[in-house]
Structures are given as structure tokens and as C-alpha cells.
Amino acid sequence: MTDESKLKDVRNRIDKLDQQLLELISERARCAQEVARIKGKDDPKAVFYRAEREAQILRTILEKNQGPLRNEEMARLFREIMSACLALEMPMKVAFLGPEGTFTQAAALKHFGHSISTVPMASIDAVFREVESGNVHYGVVPVENSTEGMVSHTLDLFINSPLHISGEVEVRIHQHLMGLQRDLSQIDKIYSHRQSFAQCREWLNTNAAGIERIEVFSNAEAARLAKLDAKALAIAGESAAEIYGLQLVVSNIEDEPDNTTRFLVIGANQISPSGDDKTSLLISAPNRPGSLYQLLEAFARNNVSMTRIESRPSRRGMWDYVFFVDVDGHIKDTKVTQALSDLAQTASIVKVLGSYPKAVL
């Protein structure tokens, strides 16, 4: 058999597989419509998006994936299929820290897929308010960067918010220098968000030490401003360059190659157990010797693994602090339930911010 004949045979097999994929995806979509019909019949206010269900599906797919597609690619493909099917049940609106082209929008699309309507907001506060008002179904906000640590403003907003954490998304952050021209000698300013400047500090000090750095509220805003000034550059993600029509001057200028930001999905509903979950808490203790130890001891005594703790001013009085804590497990897990019961005996505040599936890729 000639190479041409072999190619023809393989292409015929691909055509048949494509037809099978089309039929199977269409059948899945019809099943989604049936779910919507059943739920809507029993409850006009039914919740169609089930974070725990999507996490379970993705984990099963990745466990069974034998390649050659990488897990990241397979997860992306199935997220988009689920997103399109969910849109048949209930078109979803998701608020994010805007404008268009931010890493937060990228996180929203990674988590929910591209069949949602993304709504840009001017601040993290505005994202919270938009979800609280019911104008959108969910919001996405940054909470932590692997290089620069916690986004304290996001944590502070949880103190008084009634919202729950519904999920988490991890996005690998690649910072690109972009503008209308590539000649650095003609540039007199660079726009970017404070966190991005920090994540690229070493590269900037080495390659652009004499250029003024101007902080703005988002990387997408930096790209917009660079579009207006031929002597300016911006540090932002690749999508911002596409949206604002900028050239990539230098790619991947972040100091840490594994630079990753964690985002939280916030919503009004609590999430059921998925089998591999995380619980976020806000706790406070009386200001007396040993009080923090007593709080942490409740987790150790019940064999609950604490994965993160951050302190923030409570805003109730000088030198009064609250602690944001992440632990493994769901609030409905027996050991987590018992740990919270023990905490209540010593803590002055115990607020469950949410139990939700751990990030899947």
C-alpha cells in the first residue's frame, strides 16, 4: 500500500470518527435538555450548574485518559462540551474583574467554558456586589499568586459578604511585554498592574531599568493605554494583545516560570460534596495566650489537614485579627464537622466561606 493510500485510509477513519463524535455530542446535548425539562418541572428555581458534578466528570475523564492528548487538553475539550450543553439548560452570566482581556476573564472561561456570558466589572468589590444582587449567577476574583502571595482585598470582602465560595481555578500566568512598536529605545513608560510589575521585577530591572513604570488597576487597562501611545508598552496576557491589537515585544517575562494565580468562584449557593474537596473558613479567637494554638489544635485532633492560613485585620478594633484557613475535606465530612464543632468552643467567630471541589487542572 502506497503512502497516499495509507493517508486516504486514515482520513476516511477520521471522517467516520468525526461523524460518531457529532452524534454522541448531540445526544449528550439532548440529555442536558431533558435534565432541564425534569428540573424545571419540579422546581422553577432549580439550580442547573452543579460544580461538584462537573468536577467528578472531569476527574473520571482524566483518570481514564491514556493519551496521546495531555490531560490539560482533554480537560479543556470536555469543559467546552459541558459548557455548551449547560447553555441549553440555562445561559449563565459570570462577572469578573475587567476590563476584557484580564487573567480573571481567562480564569472564568477556563472554569465555565466559552458558552457563558462574561460581564466585566471595574473592581473586586463590584464583582461581589453584582453576584449579591443576583444580576449574574457567579463571579470570579483573584485570591492568591504563587510569587506574590494573597490578594488581601479579596479576603477582606469575605468578612461581611453573604456569598459562598463555589470553586477554585488555577491559571498559569505568562506575562508579555506588548505595544505598538518593538523598539525599547523609543519607549518612555510601561503600564501594568502592581502584581504584574512584582512578578516581572527581575526582568524589568535588567532590561528596562530606565523606563518609568505606571501602575493601573488591571493588565487589560494597561494594554488599552498602550494602544493610545506609541511610546508606551504594557505588561499583560496574550489575549489582551489580541483584543487591543498590540504586538508582542517580549514574551514570558515573568521571573518564575511556574508563576500561577489562584482564583475563586463566588456564588449564592452552597456546593455538595464531590469526593475531593476543600473548605475555606474565617475564624477569630479571643486575644489571650494560646488562643491560636487552641484553634489549630481542633484540626489536628480531628485529623483535618490545614493547607493554608492567612491573618487579616478584623476592622473591629486595633490589633484585632481574623484568620482565613483552608482545610482538606467538605463541611459535610464527619471529621470536618467535628473540627468545626470543637472550634466553636474556643473561637469567637467561625464562618464557613464555602466547601467546593479542588481545582481540576
Protein backbone atom coordinates (compact mmCIF):
# COMPACT_ATOMS: atom_id res chain seq x y z
CA MET A 1 0.00 0.00 0.00
CA THR A 2 1.39 3.38 -1.00
CA ASP A 3 1.73 6.28 1.40
CA GLU A 4 -1.06 8.06 -0.48
CA SER A 5 -3.36 5.06 0.03
CA LYS A 6 -2.47 4.92 3.70
CA LEU A 7 -3.26 8.62 4.11
CA LYS A 8 -6.61 8.14 2.37
CA ASP A 9 -7.45 5.25 4.67
CA VAL A 10 -6.56 7.24 7.81
CA ARG A 11 -8.58 10.23 6.60
CA ASN A 12 -11.60 8.01 5.99
CA ARG A 13 -11.30 6.69 9.54
CA ILE A 14 -11.11 10.28 10.85
CA ASP A 15 -14.27 11.18 8.88
CA LYS A 16 -16.13 8.25 10.42
CA LEU A 17 -14.90 9.15 13.91
CA ASP A 18 -15.96 12.77 13.41
CA GLN A 19 -19.45 11.60 12.49
CA GLN A 20 -19.59 9.42 15.61
CA LEU A 21 -18.36 12.32 17.75
CA LEU A 22 -21.03 14.59 16.28
CA GLU A 23 -23.76 12.06 17.03
CA LEU A 24 -22.51 11.46 20.59
CA ILE A 25 -22.13 15.16 21.42
CA SER A 26 -25.61 15.83 20.04
CA GLU A 27 -27.01 13.01 22.15
CA ARG A 28 -25.30 14.45 25.21
CA ALA A 29 -26.86 17.83 24.45
CA ARG A 30 -30.30 16.24 24.18
CA CYS A 31 -29.73 14.60 27.58
CA ALA A 32 -28.89 18.04 29.01
CA GLN A 33 -32.15 19.39 27.62
CA GLU A 34 -34.01 16.51 29.27
CA VAL A 35 -32.35 17.30 32.59
CA ALA A 36 -33.52 20.90 32.24
CA ARG A 37 -37.06 19.76 31.47
CA ILE A 38 -37.21 17.46 34.51
CA LYS A 39 -35.67 20.00 36.89
CA GLY A 40 -37.81 22.85 35.61
CA LYS A 41 -40.97 20.79 36.01
CA ASP A 42 -40.24 20.02 39.68
CA ASP A 43 -38.71 23.36 40.66
CA PRO A 44 -38.98 26.63 38.67
CA LYS A 45 -35.95 27.93 40.64
CA ALA A 46 -33.83 24.83 40.08
CA VAL A 47 -30.05 25.16 40.03
CA PHE A 48 -28.70 23.75 36.77
CA TYR A 49 -24.97 24.30 37.26
CA ARG A 50 -23.55 21.64 39.57
CA ALA A 51 -19.91 22.32 40.37
CA GLU A 52 -19.44 19.00 42.15
CA ARG A 53 -20.90 17.07 39.22
CA GLU A 54 -18.59 18.76 36.69
CA ALA A 55 -15.56 18.11 38.90
CA GLN A 56 -16.49 14.43 39.20
CA ILE A 57 -16.86 14.12 35.41
CA LEU A 58 -13.50 15.77 34.74
CA ARG A 59 -11.69 13.62 37.31
CA THR A 60 -13.14 10.45 35.79
CA ILE A 61 -12.13 11.53 32.28
CA LEU A 62 -8.58 12.33 33.37
CA GLU A 63 -8.22 9.04 35.26
CA LYS A 64 -9.18 7.15 32.09
CA ASN A 65 -7.20 9.29 29.64
CA GLN A 66 -4.45 7.22 28.00
CA GLY A 67 -3.24 9.89 25.55
CA PRO A 68 -1.90 10.98 23.20
CA LEU A 69 -3.71 14.18 24.23
CA ARG A 70 -2.41 15.59 27.51
CA ASN A 71 -4.75 15.81 30.49
CA GLU A 72 -4.84 19.61 30.19
CA GLU A 73 -6.10 19.39 26.62
CA MET A 74 -8.63 16.67 27.42
CA ALA A 75 -9.97 18.67 30.36
CA ARG A 76 -10.31 21.76 28.17
CA LEU A 77 -12.25 19.86 25.49
CA PHE A 78 -14.70 18.33 27.97
CA ARG A 79 -15.18 21.64 29.78
CA GLU A 80 -16.27 23.20 26.49
CA ILE A 81 -18.69 20.35 25.77
CA MET A 82 -20.21 20.68 29.25
CA SER A 83 -20.35 24.45 28.85
CA ALA A 84 -22.25 24.23 25.56
CA CYS A 85 -24.66 21.65 26.97
CA LEU A 86 -25.29 23.72 30.11
CA ALA A 87 -26.07 26.74 27.93
CA LEU A 88 -29.00 24.74 26.52
CA GLU A 89 -30.34 24.33 30.06
CA MET A 90 -29.58 27.82 31.40
CA PRO A 91 -27.43 30.53 29.78
CA MET A 92 -25.05 31.65 32.53
CA LYS A 93 -23.72 35.11 33.30
CA VAL A 94 -20.41 35.36 35.17
CA ALA A 95 -18.90 38.61 36.49
CA PHE A 96 -15.12 39.07 36.52
CA LEU A 97 -12.55 41.72 37.32
CA GLY A 98 -12.37 43.56 34.00
CA PRO A 99 -11.98 45.00 31.52
CA GLU A 100 -11.93 42.48 28.66
CA GLY A 101 -8.67 40.59 28.39
CA THR A 102 -7.71 40.18 32.07
CA PHE A 103 -6.36 36.98 33.57
CA THR A 104 -9.53 36.87 35.65
CA GLN A 105 -11.63 36.60 32.49
CA ALA A 106 -9.31 33.82 31.33
CA ALA A 107 -9.96 32.04 34.65
CA ALA A 108 -13.74 32.40 34.22
CA LEU A 109 -13.59 30.93 30.72
CA LYS A 110 -11.29 28.11 31.83
CA HIS A 111 -13.69 27.15 34.64
CA PHE A 112 -17.05 27.60 32.92
CA GLY A 113 -16.13 27.26 29.23
CA HIS A 114 -16.79 29.74 26.44
CA SER A 115 -20.57 29.26 26.26
CA ILE A 116 -21.14 31.67 29.14
CA SER A 117 -21.64 35.42 29.05
CA THR A 118 -18.78 37.17 30.86
CA VAL A 119 -19.54 40.52 32.49
CA PRO A 120 -16.54 42.81 33.17
CA MET A 121 -16.57 44.79 36.43
CA ALA A 122 -14.35 47.70 37.44
CA SER A 123 -13.29 46.29 40.82
CA ILE A 124 -13.33 43.19 43.02
CA ASP A 125 -15.93 44.92 45.21
CA ALA A 126 -18.16 45.34 42.15
CA VAL A 127 -17.89 41.62 41.33
CA PHE A 128 -19.13 40.77 44.83
CA ARG A 129 -21.99 43.29 44.57
CA GLU A 130 -23.07 42.01 41.16
CA VAL A 131 -23.32 38.44 42.44
CA GLU A 132 -25.05 39.51 45.67
CA SER A 133 -27.65 41.45 43.67
CA GLY A 134 -28.50 38.41 41.56
CA ASN A 135 -27.65 40.17 38.29
CA VAL A 136 -25.18 37.38 37.50
CA HIS A 137 -25.04 33.74 38.52
CA TYR A 138 -21.40 33.68 39.65
CA GLY A 139 -18.32 35.85 39.95
CA VAL A 140 -14.60 35.14 39.59
CA VAL A 141 -11.98 37.00 41.65
CA PRO A 142 -8.22 36.57 42.17
CA VAL A 143 -7.14 35.41 45.62
CA GLU A 144 -3.53 34.22 45.51
CA ASN A 145 -0.40 34.28 43.36
CA SER A 146 2.39 31.74 43.73
CA THR A 147 5.01 34.50 43.57
CA GLU A 148 3.40 37.47 45.34
CA GLY A 149 1.07 35.77 47.83
CA MET A 150 -2.51 36.58 48.81
CA VAL A 151 -4.77 39.24 47.28
CA SER A 152 -5.73 40.77 50.61
CA HIS A 153 -8.63 42.83 49.30
CA THR A 154 -10.46 39.70 48.17
CA LEU A 155 -10.06 38.17 51.62
CA ASP A 156 -11.33 41.34 53.33
CA LEU A 157 -14.54 41.32 51.29
CA PHE A 158 -15.47 37.87 52.59
CA ILE A 159 -15.67 39.18 56.14
CA ASN A 160 -19.08 40.79 55.57
CA SER A 161 -20.26 39.10 52.38
CA PRO A 162 -23.10 36.52 52.43
CA LEU A 163 -21.65 34.80 49.36
CA HIS A 164 -20.12 31.33 49.29
CA ILE A 165 -17.00 30.07 47.55
CA SER A 166 -18.26 27.73 44.83
CA GLY A 167 -14.99 26.68 43.24
CA GLU A 168 -11.37 27.49 42.54
CA VAL A 169 -9.39 27.90 39.33
CA GLU A 170 -5.64 27.85 38.86
CA VAL A 171 -4.22 29.67 35.82
CA ARG A 172 -0.57 29.60 34.73
CA ILE A 173 0.34 33.26 34.29
CA HIS A 174 2.55 34.26 31.38
CA GLN A 175 3.37 37.97 31.29
CA HIS A 176 4.12 39.54 27.92
CA LEU A 177 5.53 42.96 27.05
CA MET A 178 3.40 44.47 24.27
CA GLY A 179 2.85 47.70 22.38
CA LEU A 180 2.53 49.41 19.04
CA GLN A 181 6.26 49.10 18.33
CA ARG A 182 9.12 46.77 19.30
CA ASP A 183 11.98 49.27 19.76
CA LEU A 184 12.59 49.57 23.52
CA SER A 185 14.84 52.60 22.97
CA GLN A 186 11.76 54.57 21.87
CA ILE A 187 9.71 53.65 24.95
CA ASP A 188 9.34 56.02 27.92
CA LYS A 189 6.71 54.23 30.04
CA ILE A 190 5.34 50.79 30.85
CA TYR A 191 1.82 50.27 32.17
CA SER A 192 0.71 47.29 34.25
CA HIS A 193 -0.96 46.10 37.41
CA ARG A 194 1.07 46.20 40.61
CA GLN A 195 1.14 42.39 40.87
CA SER A 196 2.45 42.01 37.33
CA PHE A 197 5.24 44.51 37.95
CA ALA A 198 6.20 42.48 41.01
CA GLN A 199 6.10 39.20 39.09
CA CYS A 200 8.43 40.65 36.42
CA ARG A 201 10.68 42.72 38.69
CA GLU A 202 13.95 40.95 37.86
CA TRP A 203 13.42 41.09 34.08
CA LEU A 204 12.42 44.77 34.21
CA ASN A 205 15.39 45.74 36.37
CA THR A 206 17.74 44.04 33.93
CA ASN A 207 16.18 45.04 30.61
CA ALA A 208 14.10 48.17 31.23
CA ALA A 209 15.63 49.83 34.28
CA GLY A 210 15.36 53.39 32.94
CA ILE A 211 11.75 53.20 31.76
CA GLU A 212 9.01 54.64 34.00
CA ARG A 213 6.59 52.08 35.43
CA ILE A 214 3.00 53.24 35.86
CA GLU A 215 0.56 51.15 37.91
CA VAL A 216 -3.04 50.75 36.70
CA PHE A 217 -5.93 48.72 38.07
CA SER A 218 -5.68 45.84 35.57
CA ASN A 219 -3.42 44.44 32.86
CA ALA A 220 -6.17 44.87 30.28
CA GLU A 221 -6.36 48.58 31.15
CA ALA A 222 -2.57 48.71 30.67
CA ALA A 223 -3.00 47.25 27.18
CA ARG A 224 -5.74 49.77 26.37
CA LEU A 225 -3.49 52.67 27.40
CA ALA A 226 -0.53 51.29 25.42
CA LYS A 227 -2.79 51.22 22.36
CA LEU A 228 -3.15 55.01 22.68
CA ASP A 229 0.56 55.83 22.99
CA ALA A 230 3.31 54.69 20.61
CA LYS A 231 5.92 55.40 23.29
CA ALA A 232 4.23 53.14 25.87
CA LEU A 233 4.25 49.41 26.46
CA ALA A 234 2.07 47.21 28.64
CA ILE A 235 2.60 44.02 30.58
CA ALA A 236 -0.42 41.77 30.10
CA GLY A 237 -1.62 38.38 28.90
CA GLU A 238 -1.68 37.28 25.27
CA SER A 239 -5.45 37.73 24.98
CA ALA A 240 -5.07 41.44 25.82
CA ALA A 241 -2.65 41.83 22.89
CA GLU A 242 -5.23 40.25 20.57
CA ILE A 243 -8.12 42.34 21.88
CA TYR A 244 -6.28 45.66 21.72
CA GLY A 245 -4.27 44.98 18.54
CA LEU A 246 -0.79 45.14 20.08
CA GLN A 247 2.46 43.48 19.04
CA LEU A 248 4.21 41.10 21.43
CA VAL A 249 7.58 42.76 22.08
CA VAL A 250 8.95 40.15 24.51
CA SER A 251 7.10 37.03 25.65
CA ASN A 252 7.16 35.30 29.04
CA ILE A 253 9.00 37.96 31.06
CA GLU A 254 7.75 36.64 34.43
CA ASP A 255 10.61 35.88 36.82
CA GLU A 256 9.19 32.50 37.89
CA PRO A 257 8.38 30.04 35.06
CA ASP A 258 5.73 28.31 37.21
CA ASN A 259 4.01 31.60 38.07
CA THR A 260 0.38 30.66 38.85
CA THR A 261 -2.61 32.59 40.16
CA ARG A 262 -5.48 31.03 42.06
CA PHE A 263 -8.96 32.44 41.51
CA LEU A 264 -12.15 31.84 43.47
CA VAL A 265 -15.63 31.34 42.05
CA ILE A 266 -18.22 33.04 44.26
CA GLY A 267 -21.96 32.42 44.27
CA ALA A 268 -25.10 32.36 46.39
CA ASN A 269 -25.44 28.56 46.63
CA GLN A 270 -23.57 26.03 48.72
CA ILE A 271 -21.89 23.16 46.86
CA SER A 272 -22.47 19.47 47.63
CA PRO A 273 -19.53 17.08 48.19
CA SER A 274 -17.62 15.99 45.08
CA GLY A 275 -15.30 13.48 46.75
CA ASP A 276 -12.17 15.66 46.65
CA ASP A 277 -13.00 18.98 48.26
CA LYS A 278 -11.61 21.94 50.13
CA THR A 279 -13.27 24.07 52.81
CA SER A 280 -12.41 27.72 53.43
CA LEU A 281 -13.08 29.26 56.83
CA LEU A 282 -12.89 32.60 58.55
CA ILE A 283 -12.11 32.24 62.24
CA SER A 284 -11.20 34.55 65.09
CA ALA A 285 -10.09 33.88 68.65
CA PRO A 286 -10.12 35.92 71.86
CA ASN A 287 -6.89 37.89 72.37
CA ARG A 288 -5.35 35.70 75.05
CA PRO A 289 -2.28 33.44 75.32
CA GLY A 290 -2.65 30.13 73.49
CA SER A 291 -5.85 31.01 71.64
CA LEU A 292 -4.42 30.44 68.14
CA TYR A 293 -2.91 27.14 69.27
CA GLN A 294 -6.33 26.04 70.51
CA LEU A 295 -7.86 26.84 67.14
CA LEU A 296 -5.27 24.88 65.21
CA GLU A 297 -5.35 22.01 67.69
CA ALA A 298 -9.01 21.39 66.78
CA PHE A 299 -7.93 20.46 63.25
CA ALA A 300 -5.06 18.23 64.40
CA ARG A 301 -7.25 16.42 66.92
CA ASN A 302 -9.74 15.52 64.21
CA ASN A 303 -7.14 14.61 61.58
CA VAL A 304 -8.11 17.51 59.31
CA SER A 305 -5.25 18.74 57.14
CA MET A 306 -4.90 22.53 57.09
CA THR A 307 -3.43 23.69 53.76
CA ARG A 308 -3.32 27.46 54.31
CA ILE A 309 -3.69 30.12 56.98
CA GLU A 310 -3.62 33.90 56.48
CA SER A 311 -4.27 36.65 59.04
CA ARG A 312 -6.04 39.91 58.28
CA PRO A 313 -7.14 42.88 60.45
CA SER A 314 -10.74 42.32 61.53
CA ARG A 315 -11.63 46.03 61.27
CA ARG A 316 -13.39 45.68 64.63
CA GLY A 317 -10.61 47.18 66.69
CA MET A 318 -6.88 47.91 66.76
CA TRP A 319 -4.68 44.77 66.65
CA ASP A 320 -7.72 42.51 66.33
CA TYR A 321 -7.27 39.87 63.63
CA VAL A 322 -9.22 37.18 61.80
CA PHE A 323 -7.70 34.11 60.17
CA PHE A 324 -8.54 32.73 56.75
CA VAL A 325 -7.98 28.98 56.75
CA ASP A 326 -8.19 26.32 54.03
CA VAL A 327 -8.60 22.67 55.04
CA ASP A 328 -8.96 19.43 53.12
CA GLY A 329 -12.47 17.98 53.05
CA HIS A 330 -16.09 19.10 52.80
CA ILE A 331 -18.15 20.60 55.60
CA LYS A 332 -20.38 17.50 55.41
CA ASP A 333 -17.43 15.18 56.07
CA THR A 334 -17.61 13.80 59.61
CA LYS A 335 -14.11 14.85 60.64
CA VAL A 336 -14.56 18.39 59.30
CA THR A 337 -17.93 18.69 61.04
CA GLN A 338 -16.39 17.60 64.34
CA ALA A 339 -13.45 20.01 63.93
CA LEU A 340 -15.86 22.89 63.41
CA SER A 341 -17.81 21.84 66.48
CA ASP A 342 -14.61 21.86 68.52
CA LEU A 343 -13.63 25.23 67.04
CA ALA A 344 -16.90 26.74 68.17
CA GLN A 345 -15.91 26.03 71.79
CA THR A 346 -12.84 28.28 71.64
CA ALA A 347 -13.28 30.68 68.67
CA SER A 348 -15.17 33.93 68.90
CA ILE A 349 -16.06 33.68 65.18
CA VAL A 350 -16.35 30.64 62.90
CA LYS A 351 -17.66 31.43 59.43
CA VAL A 352 -17.69 28.80 56.68
CA LEU A 353 -16.89 30.62 53.44
CA GLY A 354 -17.56 27.54 51.36
CA SER A 355 -16.87 23.89 50.65
CA TYR A 356 -16.04 23.28 46.99
CA PRO A 357 -14.21 20.94 44.61
CA LYS A 358 -10.46 21.30 44.44
CA ALA A 359 -9.20 22.77 41.18
CA VAL A 360 -9.03 20.21 38.37
CA LEU A 361 -6.02 21.22 36.28
